[in-house]
Amino acid sequence: MKYAIKIHKISTVNELPNSWSVTDFKALLTRFNFPNAEGNDLEELQGLLCMAIADYETNEAATILLDYKLSEYLNEGQIDQLSHEMLLDRISEEYPKIELHQELYMINQLLYKAYNGKFLNTEATLVDFEITPLLNAEPEITKEIVLKCFAKNLDNHNIIIRLFGSQLSGEERFEEANDVLWELQKTENGYRFTTSDYWMSKKEFINETLDCKIDFFEEA
């Protein structure tokens, strides 16, 4: 199948919009012994939460955030281990379960902000683009389609190309595409996807426009 891609903008950010809600911040303030926070101003609540977090040891704060966000996926031992590792490593890039990378990124960046850079900074990549199906290509745009198209426009040293060559070529199913691309949103001028700078950094994109042919896995 063939698609035409036109990139409008590539942004590198260290905080995702709408990562946390008012409800999240109020629930976390309670967990950090700052209950009954008034008001619904997101920025003000985040400031209060950062102050509350900073009163705790780094691993204690990380444990509270990990438990709040990921207790359905991680057991107590895993949370305890990660709470110590997050201070030393970019866990949101290195953790083997890539389906948890976005949540780990959100937690890491909140800790990074609360402790004024004591945690390692990590970044995300936002790409605004148009994609046009050519000939009889599938008109419903999925994360797999977008990722396969954009892989054609990345430097050969990119980690997606190195790790997922068989999936990109259609030799294997590409189920990981749903976790490599954190979000895919329809916008007024096309689409926007969000991913980690670890998967795609701004400097790795080659062209602003391209036509590309991609293949899909088929059962034998």
N, C-alpha and C. Protein backbone atom coordinates (compact mmCIF):
# COMPACT_ATOMS: atom_id res chain seq x y z
N MET A 1 0.83 -1.20 0.00
CA MET A 1 0.00 0.00 0.00
C MET A 1 0.87 1.25 0.00
N LYS A 2 0.40 2.29 -0.68
CA LYS A 2 1.18 3.51 -0.80
C LYS A 2 0.47 4.69 -0.14
N TYR A 3 1.30 5.54 0.47
CA TYR A 3 0.79 6.73 1.15
C TYR A 3 1.71 7.90 0.87
N ALA A 4 1.14 9.10 0.89
CA ALA A 4 1.92 10.32 0.79
C ALA A 4 1.92 11.01 2.15
N ILE A 5 3.10 11.44 2.58
CA ILE A 5 3.27 12.09 3.87
C ILE A 5 3.76 13.51 3.67
N LYS A 6 3.19 14.44 4.42
CA LYS A 6 3.68 15.81 4.46
C LYS A 6 3.77 16.23 5.92
N ILE A 7 4.98 16.52 6.38
CA ILE A 7 5.18 16.93 7.76
C ILE A 7 5.03 18.44 7.89
N HIS A 8 4.20 18.86 8.84
CA HIS A 8 4.01 20.29 9.09
C HIS A 8 4.93 20.80 10.19
N LYS A 9 5.09 20.00 11.25
CA LYS A 9 5.86 20.48 12.40
C LYS A 9 6.34 19.29 13.23
N ILE A 10 7.56 19.39 13.72
CA ILE A 10 8.11 18.40 14.66
C ILE A 10 8.52 19.16 15.91
N SER A 11 7.99 18.74 17.05
CA SER A 11 8.27 19.43 18.31
C SER A 11 8.89 18.46 19.31
N THR A 12 9.85 18.97 20.07
CA THR A 12 10.43 18.21 21.17
C THR A 12 9.99 18.86 22.48
N VAL A 13 9.37 18.10 23.36
CA VAL A 13 8.83 18.65 24.60
C VAL A 13 9.27 17.79 25.78
N ASN A 14 9.29 18.40 26.97
CA ASN A 14 9.61 17.61 28.16
C ASN A 14 8.42 17.48 29.10
N GLU A 15 7.24 17.81 28.57
CA GLU A 15 6.00 17.59 29.33
C GLU A 15 4.86 17.51 28.33
N LEU A 16 4.05 16.48 28.46
CA LEU A 16 2.93 16.31 27.53
C LEU A 16 1.71 17.07 28.01
N PRO A 17 1.01 17.75 27.11
CA PRO A 17 -0.23 18.41 27.51
C PRO A 17 -1.26 17.38 27.96
N ASN A 18 -1.99 17.73 28.99
CA ASN A 18 -3.06 16.87 29.52
C ASN A 18 -2.55 15.53 30.05
N SER A 19 -1.29 15.50 30.51
CA SER A 19 -0.77 14.28 31.12
C SER A 19 -1.53 13.93 32.40
N TRP A 20 -1.83 14.96 33.15
CA TRP A 20 -2.50 14.78 34.44
C TRP A 20 -3.75 15.66 34.48
N SER A 21 -4.76 15.18 35.15
CA SER A 21 -6.02 15.93 35.28
C SER A 21 -6.11 16.55 36.68
N VAL A 22 -7.09 17.41 36.85
CA VAL A 22 -7.37 17.99 38.18
C VAL A 22 -7.64 16.87 39.17
N THR A 23 -8.40 15.87 38.75
CA THR A 23 -8.71 14.73 39.61
C THR A 23 -7.44 14.00 40.03
N ASP A 24 -6.52 13.80 39.07
CA ASP A 24 -5.24 13.15 39.38
C ASP A 24 -4.49 13.93 40.45
N PHE A 25 -4.34 15.22 40.24
CA PHE A 25 -3.55 16.04 41.16
C PHE A 25 -4.17 16.05 42.56
N LYS A 26 -5.48 16.14 42.64
CA LYS A 26 -6.12 16.15 43.96
C LYS A 26 -5.97 14.80 44.67
N ALA A 27 -6.08 13.72 43.91
CA ALA A 27 -5.89 12.39 44.49
C ALA A 27 -4.45 12.22 44.97
N LEU A 28 -3.50 12.70 44.18
CA LEU A 28 -2.10 12.58 44.57
C LEU A 28 -1.75 13.49 45.75
N LEU A 29 -2.34 14.66 45.81
CA LEU A 29 -2.11 15.54 46.96
C LEU A 29 -2.56 14.86 48.24
N THR A 30 -3.66 14.14 48.18
CA THR A 30 -4.12 13.38 49.35
C THR A 30 -3.10 12.31 49.73
N ARG A 31 -2.57 11.61 48.74
CA ARG A 31 -1.56 10.57 49.01
C ARG A 31 -0.27 11.15 49.57
N PHE A 32 0.01 12.39 49.23
CA PHE A 32 1.21 13.05 49.75
C PHE A 32 0.89 13.91 50.99
N ASN A 33 -0.22 13.56 51.66
CA ASN A 33 -0.61 14.21 52.91
C ASN A 33 -0.85 15.71 52.77
N PHE A 34 -1.44 16.08 51.64
CA PHE A 34 -1.86 17.45 51.42
C PHE A 34 -3.32 17.41 50.94
N PRO A 35 -4.23 16.99 51.84
CA PRO A 35 -5.63 16.79 51.43
C PRO A 35 -6.40 18.11 51.33
N ASN A 36 -7.58 18.00 50.77
CA ASN A 36 -8.53 19.13 50.72
C ASN A 36 -7.99 20.34 49.95
N ALA A 37 -7.21 20.07 48.91
CA ALA A 37 -6.74 21.18 48.06
C ALA A 37 -7.94 21.81 47.36
N GLU A 38 -8.02 23.13 47.41
CA GLU A 38 -9.16 23.82 46.82
C GLU A 38 -8.81 24.31 45.42
N GLY A 39 -9.87 24.61 44.67
CA GLY A 39 -9.68 25.16 43.33
C GLY A 39 -9.48 24.07 42.29
N ASN A 40 -9.61 24.47 41.04
CA ASN A 40 -9.47 23.54 39.92
C ASN A 40 -8.47 24.03 38.89
N ASP A 41 -7.59 24.94 39.31
CA ASP A 41 -6.56 25.43 38.40
C ASP A 41 -5.45 24.39 38.30
N LEU A 42 -5.26 23.83 37.10
CA LEU A 42 -4.33 22.72 36.91
C LEU A 42 -2.90 23.12 37.28
N GLU A 43 -2.48 24.29 36.84
CA GLU A 43 -1.11 24.74 37.09
C GLU A 43 -0.86 24.96 38.59
N GLU A 44 -1.86 25.52 39.26
CA GLU A 44 -1.72 25.76 40.70
C GLU A 44 -1.66 24.45 41.48
N LEU A 45 -2.50 23.49 41.08
CA LEU A 45 -2.50 22.19 41.75
C LEU A 45 -1.18 21.46 41.51
N GLN A 46 -0.64 21.59 40.30
CA GLN A 46 0.64 20.96 40.01
C GLN A 46 1.75 21.58 40.87
N GLY A 47 1.70 22.88 41.06
CA GLY A 47 2.69 23.54 41.91
C GLY A 47 2.61 23.05 43.34
N LEU A 48 1.39 22.90 43.86
CA LEU A 48 1.21 22.38 45.22
C LEU A 48 1.73 20.95 45.32
N LEU A 49 1.43 20.16 44.30
CA LEU A 49 1.87 18.76 44.32
C LEU A 49 3.39 18.67 44.28
N CYS A 50 4.04 19.48 43.46
CA CYS A 50 5.50 19.46 43.39
C CYS A 50 6.11 19.81 44.74
N MET A 51 5.52 20.76 45.45
CA MET A 51 6.02 21.11 46.78
C MET A 51 5.82 19.96 47.75
N ALA A 52 4.66 19.30 47.65
CA ALA A 52 4.38 18.17 48.54
C ALA A 52 5.33 17.01 48.26
N ILE A 53 5.59 16.75 46.97
CA ILE A 53 6.49 15.67 46.60
C ILE A 53 7.89 15.92 47.14
N ALA A 54 8.35 17.16 47.05
CA ALA A 54 9.72 17.50 47.44
C ALA A 54 9.99 17.29 48.92
N ASP A 55 8.95 17.14 49.72
CA ASP A 55 9.11 16.88 51.15
C ASP A 55 9.45 15.42 51.44
N TYR A 56 9.38 14.58 50.42
CA TYR A 56 9.63 13.16 50.59
C TYR A 56 10.99 12.79 50.02
N GLU A 57 11.53 11.67 50.48
CA GLU A 57 12.71 11.10 49.86
C GLU A 57 12.35 10.70 48.42
N THR A 58 13.32 10.75 47.52
CA THR A 58 13.03 10.52 46.10
C THR A 58 12.36 9.17 45.84
N ASN A 59 12.87 8.11 46.47
CA ASN A 59 12.28 6.78 46.22
C ASN A 59 10.89 6.66 46.82
N GLU A 60 10.64 7.36 47.93
CA GLU A 60 9.30 7.33 48.54
C GLU A 60 8.29 8.01 47.61
N ALA A 61 8.69 9.15 47.06
CA ALA A 61 7.79 9.87 46.15
C ALA A 61 7.55 9.06 44.88
N ALA A 62 8.60 8.46 44.36
CA ALA A 62 8.45 7.65 43.15
C ALA A 62 7.52 6.47 43.41
N THR A 63 7.64 5.87 44.59
CA THR A 63 6.77 4.74 44.94
C THR A 63 5.31 5.15 44.95
N ILE A 64 5.01 6.30 45.52
CA ILE A 64 3.62 6.78 45.59
C ILE A 64 3.06 7.01 44.18
N LEU A 65 3.86 7.63 43.32
CA LEU A 65 3.40 7.91 41.96
C LEU A 65 3.26 6.63 41.14
N LEU A 66 4.21 5.73 41.27
CA LEU A 66 4.15 4.46 40.54
C LEU A 66 2.94 3.64 40.99
N ASP A 67 2.68 3.62 42.29
CA ASP A 67 1.54 2.88 42.80
C ASP A 67 0.23 3.48 42.27
N TYR A 68 0.16 4.80 42.25
CA TYR A 68 -1.05 5.48 41.77
C TYR A 68 -1.31 5.17 40.31
N LYS A 69 -0.26 5.20 39.51
CA LYS A 69 -0.43 5.11 38.06
C LYS A 69 -0.37 3.67 37.53
N LEU A 70 0.42 2.81 38.18
CA LEU A 70 0.74 1.53 37.55
C LEU A 70 0.52 0.31 38.45
N SER A 71 -0.23 0.47 39.52
CA SER A 71 -0.42 -0.66 40.44
C SER A 71 -1.17 -1.83 39.79
N GLU A 72 -1.91 -1.56 38.70
CA GLU A 72 -2.60 -2.64 37.99
C GLU A 72 -1.63 -3.50 37.19
N TYR A 73 -0.45 -2.97 36.91
CA TYR A 73 0.50 -3.65 36.02
C TYR A 73 1.77 -4.13 36.73
N LEU A 74 2.09 -3.50 37.87
CA LEU A 74 3.32 -3.82 38.57
C LEU A 74 3.01 -4.25 40.00
N ASN A 75 3.75 -5.25 40.48
CA ASN A 75 3.55 -5.66 41.87
C ASN A 75 4.40 -4.81 42.80
N GLU A 76 4.27 -5.04 44.09
CA GLU A 76 4.94 -4.19 45.08
C GLU A 76 6.46 -4.23 44.91
N GLY A 77 7.00 -5.42 44.64
CA GLY A 77 8.44 -5.54 44.47
C GLY A 77 8.95 -4.80 43.25
N GLN A 78 8.20 -4.88 42.15
CA GLN A 78 8.60 -4.17 40.93
C GLN A 78 8.55 -2.66 41.13
N ILE A 79 7.52 -2.19 41.84
CA ILE A 79 7.40 -0.76 42.12
C ILE A 79 8.56 -0.29 42.98
N ASP A 80 8.90 -1.06 44.00
CA ASP A 80 10.01 -0.69 44.88
C ASP A 80 11.32 -0.62 44.10
N GLN A 81 11.55 -1.59 43.24
CA GLN A 81 12.78 -1.60 42.44
C GLN A 81 12.84 -0.39 41.51
N LEU A 82 11.73 -0.12 40.83
CA LEU A 82 11.70 1.02 39.90
C LEU A 82 11.86 2.35 40.62
N SER A 83 11.34 2.44 41.85
CA SER A 83 11.42 3.70 42.60
C SER A 83 12.86 4.11 42.86
N HIS A 84 13.76 3.13 42.95
CA HIS A 84 15.18 3.42 43.13
C HIS A 84 15.89 3.62 41.78
N GLU A 85 15.50 2.82 40.80
CA GLU A 85 16.16 2.89 39.50
C GLU A 85 15.86 4.18 38.75
N MET A 86 14.68 4.75 38.98
CA MET A 86 14.27 5.95 38.23
C MET A 86 15.20 7.13 38.48
N LEU A 87 15.84 7.16 39.64
CA LEU A 87 16.74 8.27 39.95
C LEU A 87 18.04 8.16 39.17
N LEU A 88 18.38 6.95 38.73
CA LEU A 88 19.67 6.71 38.09
C LEU A 88 19.59 6.51 36.59
N ASP A 89 18.46 5.99 36.10
CA ASP A 89 18.34 5.62 34.70
C ASP A 89 17.07 6.21 34.07
N ARG A 90 17.06 6.27 32.76
CA ARG A 90 15.87 6.71 32.04
C ARG A 90 14.94 5.51 31.85
N ILE A 91 14.24 5.18 32.92
CA ILE A 91 13.41 3.98 32.93
C ILE A 91 12.30 4.07 31.89
N SER A 92 11.80 5.27 31.63
CA SER A 92 10.72 5.42 30.65
C SER A 92 11.19 5.12 29.23
N GLU A 93 12.49 4.97 29.03
CA GLU A 93 13.04 4.58 27.74
C GLU A 93 13.58 3.15 27.75
N GLU A 94 13.98 2.69 28.93
CA GLU A 94 14.71 1.42 29.02
C GLU A 94 13.87 0.26 29.52
N TYR A 95 12.71 0.53 30.13
CA TYR A 95 11.93 -0.55 30.73
C TYR A 95 11.46 -1.52 29.64
N PRO A 96 11.62 -2.84 29.85
CA PRO A 96 11.32 -3.80 28.78
C PRO A 96 9.85 -3.85 28.36
N LYS A 97 8.93 -3.47 29.24
CA LYS A 97 7.51 -3.45 28.87
C LYS A 97 7.20 -2.08 28.25
N ILE A 98 7.28 -2.00 26.92
CA ILE A 98 7.15 -0.69 26.29
C ILE A 98 5.74 -0.13 26.38
N GLU A 99 4.76 -1.00 26.71
CA GLU A 99 3.40 -0.51 26.88
C GLU A 99 3.27 0.40 28.11
N LEU A 100 4.28 0.42 28.97
CA LEU A 100 4.26 1.28 30.17
C LEU A 100 5.11 2.53 30.00
N HIS A 101 5.76 2.70 28.85
CA HIS A 101 6.69 3.81 28.67
C HIS A 101 6.02 5.17 28.83
N GLN A 102 4.83 5.34 28.30
CA GLN A 102 4.19 6.66 28.39
C GLN A 102 3.90 7.04 29.83
N GLU A 103 3.34 6.10 30.60
CA GLU A 103 3.04 6.38 32.00
C GLU A 103 4.31 6.63 32.80
N LEU A 104 5.36 5.85 32.51
CA LEU A 104 6.63 6.06 33.19
C LEU A 104 7.23 7.41 32.84
N TYR A 105 7.05 7.83 31.60
CA TYR A 105 7.50 9.17 31.19
C TYR A 105 6.78 10.25 31.98
N MET A 106 5.47 10.12 32.11
CA MET A 106 4.69 11.12 32.84
C MET A 106 5.12 11.20 34.30
N ILE A 107 5.37 10.06 34.91
CA ILE A 107 5.82 10.01 36.30
C ILE A 107 7.21 10.63 36.42
N ASN A 108 8.11 10.24 35.52
CA ASN A 108 9.48 10.75 35.56
C ASN A 108 9.51 12.27 35.46
N GLN A 109 8.72 12.82 34.56
CA GLN A 109 8.76 14.26 34.34
C GLN A 109 8.17 15.03 35.51
N LEU A 110 7.20 14.46 36.18
CA LEU A 110 6.66 15.11 37.38
C LEU A 110 7.71 15.11 38.49
N LEU A 111 8.44 14.01 38.62
CA LEU A 111 9.52 13.94 39.61
C LEU A 111 10.66 14.87 39.23
N TYR A 112 10.98 14.94 37.95
CA TYR A 112 12.03 15.83 37.45
C TYR A 112 11.71 17.28 37.82
N LYS A 113 10.46 17.65 37.65
CA LYS A 113 10.05 19.02 37.95
C LYS A 113 10.03 19.28 39.45
N ALA A 114 9.51 18.31 40.22
CA ALA A 114 9.39 18.50 41.67
C ALA A 114 10.75 18.60 42.35
N TYR A 115 11.74 17.86 41.84
CA TYR A 115 13.06 17.84 42.46
C TYR A 115 14.08 18.70 41.70
N ASN A 116 13.59 19.60 40.86
CA ASN A 116 14.45 20.57 40.17
C ASN A 116 15.62 19.91 39.45
N GLY A 117 15.31 18.84 38.72
CA GLY A 117 16.31 18.23 37.87
C GLY A 117 17.12 17.12 38.50
N LYS A 118 16.77 16.69 39.72
CA LYS A 118 17.51 15.59 40.36
C LYS A 118 17.30 14.29 39.58
N PHE A 119 16.10 14.10 39.04
CA PHE A 119 15.83 12.97 38.15
C PHE A 119 16.29 13.34 36.74
N LEU A 120 16.62 12.33 35.93
CA LEU A 120 17.07 12.58 34.57
C LEU A 120 15.91 13.11 33.72
N ASN A 121 16.22 14.08 32.88
CA ASN A 121 15.20 14.62 31.99
C ASN A 121 14.98 13.67 30.81
N THR A 122 13.74 13.50 30.41
CA THR A 122 13.41 12.76 29.19
C THR A 122 12.50 13.62 28.34
N GLU A 123 12.48 13.33 27.05
CA GLU A 123 11.72 14.19 26.13
C GLU A 123 10.79 13.36 25.25
N ALA A 124 9.78 14.03 24.76
CA ALA A 124 8.82 13.41 23.85
C ALA A 124 8.85 14.15 22.52
N THR A 125 8.42 13.46 21.48
CA THR A 125 8.37 14.03 20.13
C THR A 125 6.93 14.10 19.66
N LEU A 126 6.51 15.28 19.21
CA LEU A 126 5.19 15.48 18.64
C LEU A 126 5.34 15.84 17.17
N VAL A 127 4.61 15.14 16.32
CA VAL A 127 4.71 15.39 14.88
C VAL A 127 3.32 15.68 14.32
N ASP A 128 3.18 16.87 13.72
CA ASP A 128 1.95 17.25 13.02
C ASP A 128 2.15 16.99 11.53
N PHE A 129 1.23 16.27 10.91
CA PHE A 129 1.46 15.84 9.53
C PHE A 129 0.15 15.56 8.81
N GLU A 130 0.25 15.46 7.51
CA GLU A 130 -0.84 14.97 6.66
C GLU A 130 -0.44 13.62 6.10
N ILE A 131 -1.42 12.74 5.94
CA ILE A 131 -1.17 11.46 5.30
C ILE A 131 -2.31 11.19 4.32
N THR A 132 -1.95 10.86 3.09
CA THR A 132 -2.94 10.66 2.04
C THR A 132 -2.79 9.26 1.45
N PRO A 133 -3.82 8.42 1.54
CA PRO A 133 -3.75 7.10 0.89
C PRO A 133 -3.69 7.26 -0.62
N LEU A 134 -2.83 6.50 -1.27
CA LEU A 134 -2.69 6.54 -2.72
C LEU A 134 -3.25 5.26 -3.32
N LEU A 135 -3.83 5.37 -4.50
CA LEU A 135 -4.42 4.22 -5.20
C LEU A 135 -5.46 3.55 -4.31
N ASN A 136 -5.28 2.27 -4.01
CA ASN A 136 -6.27 1.54 -3.22
C ASN A 136 -5.80 1.29 -1.78
N ALA A 137 -4.98 2.18 -1.26
CA ALA A 137 -4.47 2.01 0.10
C ALA A 137 -5.59 2.13 1.13
N GLU A 138 -5.39 1.48 2.27
CA GLU A 138 -6.36 1.48 3.35
C GLU A 138 -6.63 2.92 3.80
N PRO A 139 -7.90 3.38 3.75
CA PRO A 139 -8.18 4.78 4.10
C PRO A 139 -8.19 5.04 5.60
N GLU A 140 -8.43 4.00 6.42
CA GLU A 140 -8.44 4.20 7.87
C GLU A 140 -7.00 4.21 8.38
N ILE A 141 -6.58 5.35 8.91
CA ILE A 141 -5.19 5.52 9.32
C ILE A 141 -4.99 4.99 10.74
N THR A 142 -4.08 4.04 10.87
CA THR A 142 -3.78 3.43 12.16
C THR A 142 -2.36 3.76 12.59
N LYS A 143 -2.04 3.45 13.83
CA LYS A 143 -0.68 3.66 14.32
C LYS A 143 0.33 2.84 13.52
N GLU A 144 -0.05 1.63 13.15
CA GLU A 144 0.86 0.79 12.38
C GLU A 144 1.18 1.42 11.03
N ILE A 145 0.16 1.92 10.34
CA ILE A 145 0.37 2.57 9.05
C ILE A 145 1.29 3.77 9.20
N VAL A 146 1.00 4.62 10.18
CA VAL A 146 1.80 5.82 10.39
C VAL A 146 3.25 5.47 10.72
N LEU A 147 3.43 4.51 11.61
CA LEU A 147 4.79 4.16 12.02
C LEU A 147 5.59 3.55 10.87
N LYS A 148 4.95 2.72 10.07
CA LYS A 148 5.64 2.12 8.93
C LYS A 148 6.01 3.18 7.89
N CYS A 149 5.12 4.13 7.68
CA CYS A 149 5.42 5.21 6.74
C CYS A 149 6.58 6.07 7.24
N PHE A 150 6.52 6.46 8.50
CA PHE A 150 7.56 7.35 9.03
C PHE A 150 8.90 6.64 9.16
N ALA A 151 8.89 5.33 9.34
CA ALA A 151 10.16 4.60 9.39
C ALA A 151 10.93 4.72 8.08
N LYS A 152 10.20 4.97 6.98
CA LYS A 152 10.84 5.17 5.68
C LYS A 152 11.55 6.52 5.60
N ASN A 153 11.30 7.37 6.59
CA ASN A 153 11.81 8.74 6.56
C ASN A 153 12.74 9.02 7.74
N LEU A 154 13.30 7.95 8.31
CA LEU A 154 14.19 8.09 9.46
C LEU A 154 15.60 7.64 9.12
N ASP A 155 16.55 8.24 9.77
CA ASP A 155 17.94 7.83 9.63
C ASP A 155 18.08 6.34 9.92
N ASN A 156 18.95 5.67 9.19
CA ASN A 156 19.11 4.22 9.31
C ASN A 156 19.55 3.76 10.69
N HIS A 157 20.09 4.67 11.49
CA HIS A 157 20.53 4.32 12.83
C HIS A 157 19.38 4.37 13.84
N ASN A 158 18.22 4.78 13.41
CA ASN A 158 17.07 4.88 14.32
C ASN A 158 16.77 3.54 14.97
N ILE A 159 16.41 3.57 16.25
CA ILE A 159 16.24 2.33 17.01
C ILE A 159 15.02 1.53 16.55
N ILE A 160 13.98 2.19 16.04
CA ILE A 160 12.81 1.45 15.53
C ILE A 160 13.22 0.57 14.36
N ILE A 161 14.02 1.13 13.47
CA ILE A 161 14.49 0.38 12.30
C ILE A 161 15.36 -0.80 12.75
N ARG A 162 16.18 -0.57 13.76
CA ARG A 162 17.09 -1.62 14.22
C ARG A 162 16.36 -2.73 15.00
N LEU A 163 15.34 -2.36 15.77
CA LEU A 163 14.65 -3.35 16.61
C LEU A 163 13.51 -4.06 15.91
N PHE A 164 12.85 -3.38 14.99
CA PHE A 164 11.61 -3.91 14.43
C PHE A 164 11.68 -4.09 12.91
N GLY A 165 12.81 -4.50 12.40
CA GLY A 165 12.96 -4.67 10.96
C GLY A 165 11.97 -5.66 10.37
N SER A 166 11.75 -6.78 11.03
CA SER A 166 10.83 -7.81 10.52
C SER A 166 9.39 -7.32 10.54
N GLN A 167 9.04 -6.54 11.56
CA GLN A 167 7.68 -6.00 11.64
C GLN A 167 7.46 -4.92 10.59
N LEU A 168 8.46 -4.08 10.38
CA LEU A 168 8.33 -3.00 9.39
C LEU A 168 8.20 -3.56 7.98
N SER A 169 8.85 -4.69 7.71
CA SER A 169 8.82 -5.27 6.36
C SER A 169 7.60 -6.14 6.13
N GLY A 170 6.79 -6.36 7.17
CA GLY A 170 5.60 -7.19 7.02
C GLY A 170 5.84 -8.67 7.23
N GLU A 171 7.04 -9.04 7.68
CA GLU A 171 7.34 -10.45 7.92
C GLU A 171 6.70 -10.93 9.23
N GLU A 172 6.46 -10.01 10.16
CA GLU A 172 5.83 -10.33 11.43
C GLU A 172 4.76 -9.29 11.73
N ARG A 173 3.83 -9.66 12.61
CA ARG A 173 2.84 -8.70 13.07
C ARG A 173 3.55 -7.55 13.80
N PHE A 174 2.98 -6.36 13.69
CA PHE A 174 3.60 -5.20 14.33
C PHE A 174 2.70 -4.71 15.47
N GLU A 175 2.48 -5.56 16.45
CA GLU A 175 1.63 -5.19 17.58
C GLU A 175 2.28 -4.09 18.42
N GLU A 176 3.60 -4.02 18.40
CA GLU A 176 4.31 -3.02 19.20
C GLU A 176 4.06 -1.59 18.73
N ALA A 177 3.54 -1.44 17.51
CA ALA A 177 3.29 -0.09 16.98
C ALA A 177 2.36 0.70 17.89
N ASN A 178 1.41 0.03 18.52
CA ASN A 178 0.45 0.71 19.40
C ASN A 178 1.11 1.27 20.65
N ASP A 179 2.28 0.74 21.01
CA ASP A 179 2.97 1.22 22.20
C ASP A 179 4.13 2.16 21.86
N VAL A 180 4.71 1.99 20.67
CA VAL A 180 5.77 2.91 20.24
C VAL A 180 5.19 4.30 20.00
N LEU A 181 4.06 4.35 19.31
CA LEU A 181 3.33 5.62 19.17
C LEU A 181 2.36 5.73 20.34
N TRP A 182 2.59 6.68 21.22
CA TRP A 182 1.76 6.81 22.41
C TRP A 182 0.35 7.27 22.06
N GLU A 183 0.25 8.24 21.17
CA GLU A 183 -1.06 8.77 20.78
C GLU A 183 -1.05 9.08 19.29
N LEU A 184 -2.21 8.91 18.67
CA LEU A 184 -2.44 9.33 17.29
C LEU A 184 -3.77 10.05 17.26
N GLN A 185 -3.73 11.35 16.97
CA GLN A 185 -4.93 12.19 17.06
C GLN A 185 -5.23 12.82 15.71
N LYS A 186 -6.50 12.92 15.40
CA LYS A 186 -6.94 13.66 14.23
C LYS A 186 -6.95 15.14 14.58
N THR A 187 -6.42 15.97 13.71
CA THR A 187 -6.38 17.40 13.95
C THR A 187 -7.09 18.13 12.81
N GLU A 188 -7.15 19.44 12.94
CA GLU A 188 -7.82 20.25 11.92
C GLU A 188 -7.13 20.14 10.57
N ASN A 189 -5.79 19.99 10.60
CA ASN A 189 -5.01 19.96 9.35
C ASN A 189 -4.43 18.59 9.03
N GLY A 190 -4.88 17.56 9.71
CA GLY A 190 -4.35 16.23 9.46
C GLY A 190 -4.32 15.38 10.70
N TYR A 191 -3.09 15.03 11.13
CA TYR A 191 -2.92 14.18 12.30
C TYR A 191 -1.75 14.68 13.14
N ARG A 192 -1.73 14.21 14.37
CA ARG A 192 -0.58 14.42 15.25
C ARG A 192 -0.29 13.11 15.97
N PHE A 193 0.97 12.71 15.97
CA PHE A 193 1.33 11.58 16.82
C PHE A 193 2.32 12.01 17.87
N THR A 194 2.28 11.29 18.99
CA THR A 194 3.17 11.54 20.12
C THR A 194 3.94 10.26 20.41
N THR A 195 5.24 10.40 20.59
CA THR A 195 6.08 9.27 20.94
C THR A 195 7.24 9.77 21.78
N SER A 196 8.08 8.85 22.21
CA SER A 196 9.27 9.23 22.98
C SER A 196 10.37 9.69 22.04
N ASP A 197 11.16 10.65 22.51
CA ASP A 197 12.35 11.06 21.78
C ASP A 197 13.30 9.87 21.61
N TYR A 198 13.19 8.91 22.50
CA TYR A 198 13.99 7.68 22.40
C TYR A 198 13.67 6.93 21.11
N TRP A 199 12.39 6.89 20.74
CA TRP A 199 11.98 6.18 19.52
C TRP A 199 12.22 7.01 18.27
N MET A 200 11.92 8.29 18.34
CA MET A 200 12.12 9.18 17.19
C MET A 200 12.53 10.55 17.70
N SER A 201 13.73 10.97 17.38
CA SER A 201 14.16 12.32 17.75
C SER A 201 14.08 13.22 16.52
N LYS A 202 13.94 14.49 16.77
CA LYS A 202 13.76 15.46 15.70
C LYS A 202 14.88 15.39 14.66
N LYS A 203 16.10 15.14 15.10
CA LYS A 203 17.25 15.14 14.19
C LYS A 203 17.29 13.92 13.27
N GLU A 204 16.44 12.91 13.54
CA GLU A 204 16.47 11.68 12.74
C GLU A 204 15.57 11.73 11.51
N PHE A 205 14.68 12.73 11.43
CA PHE A 205 13.80 12.83 10.27
C PHE A 205 14.58 13.36 9.07
N ILE A 206 14.30 12.81 7.91
CA ILE A 206 15.09 13.14 6.72
C ILE A 206 14.41 14.19 5.84
N ASN A 207 13.17 13.91 5.41
CA ASN A 207 12.48 14.81 4.48
C ASN A 207 11.16 15.31 5.05
N GLU A 208 10.69 16.44 4.54
CA GLU A 208 9.40 16.98 4.96
C GLU A 208 8.25 16.32 4.23
N THR A 209 8.51 15.80 3.04
CA THR A 209 7.48 15.11 2.27
C THR A 209 8.05 13.83 1.70
N LEU A 210 7.19 12.83 1.52
CA LEU A 210 7.63 11.59 0.88
C LEU A 210 6.42 10.76 0.48
N ASP A 211 6.60 9.96 -0.54
CA ASP A 211 5.65 8.92 -0.91
C ASP A 211 6.29 7.59 -0.51
N CYS A 212 5.51 6.73 0.11
CA CYS A 212 6.12 5.49 0.60
C CYS A 212 5.19 4.30 0.39
N LYS A 213 5.80 3.16 0.18
CA LYS A 213 5.08 1.90 0.05
C LYS A 213 5.37 1.06 1.28
N ILE A 214 4.32 0.54 1.90
CA ILE A 214 4.49 -0.28 3.09
C ILE A 214 3.80 -1.63 2.90
N ASP A 215 4.25 -2.61 3.66
CA ASP A 215 3.71 -3.97 3.57
C ASP A 215 3.16 -4.40 4.92
N PHE A 216 2.18 -5.32 4.85
CA PHE A 216 1.56 -5.82 6.06
C PHE A 216 1.74 -7.32 6.18
N PHE A 217 1.75 -7.80 7.39
CA PHE A 217 1.88 -9.23 7.65
C PHE A 217 0.62 -9.96 7.18
N GLU A 218 0.81 -11.07 6.52
CA GLU A 218 -0.31 -11.92 6.09
C GLU A 218 -0.06 -13.33 6.57
N GLU A 219 -1.12 -13.98 7.10
CA GLU A 219 -1.00 -15.37 7.53
C GLU A 219 -0.66 -16.26 6.34
N ALA A 220 0.20 -17.22 6.55
CA ALA A 220 0.57 -18.15 5.49
C ALA A 220 -0.63 -18.99 5.09
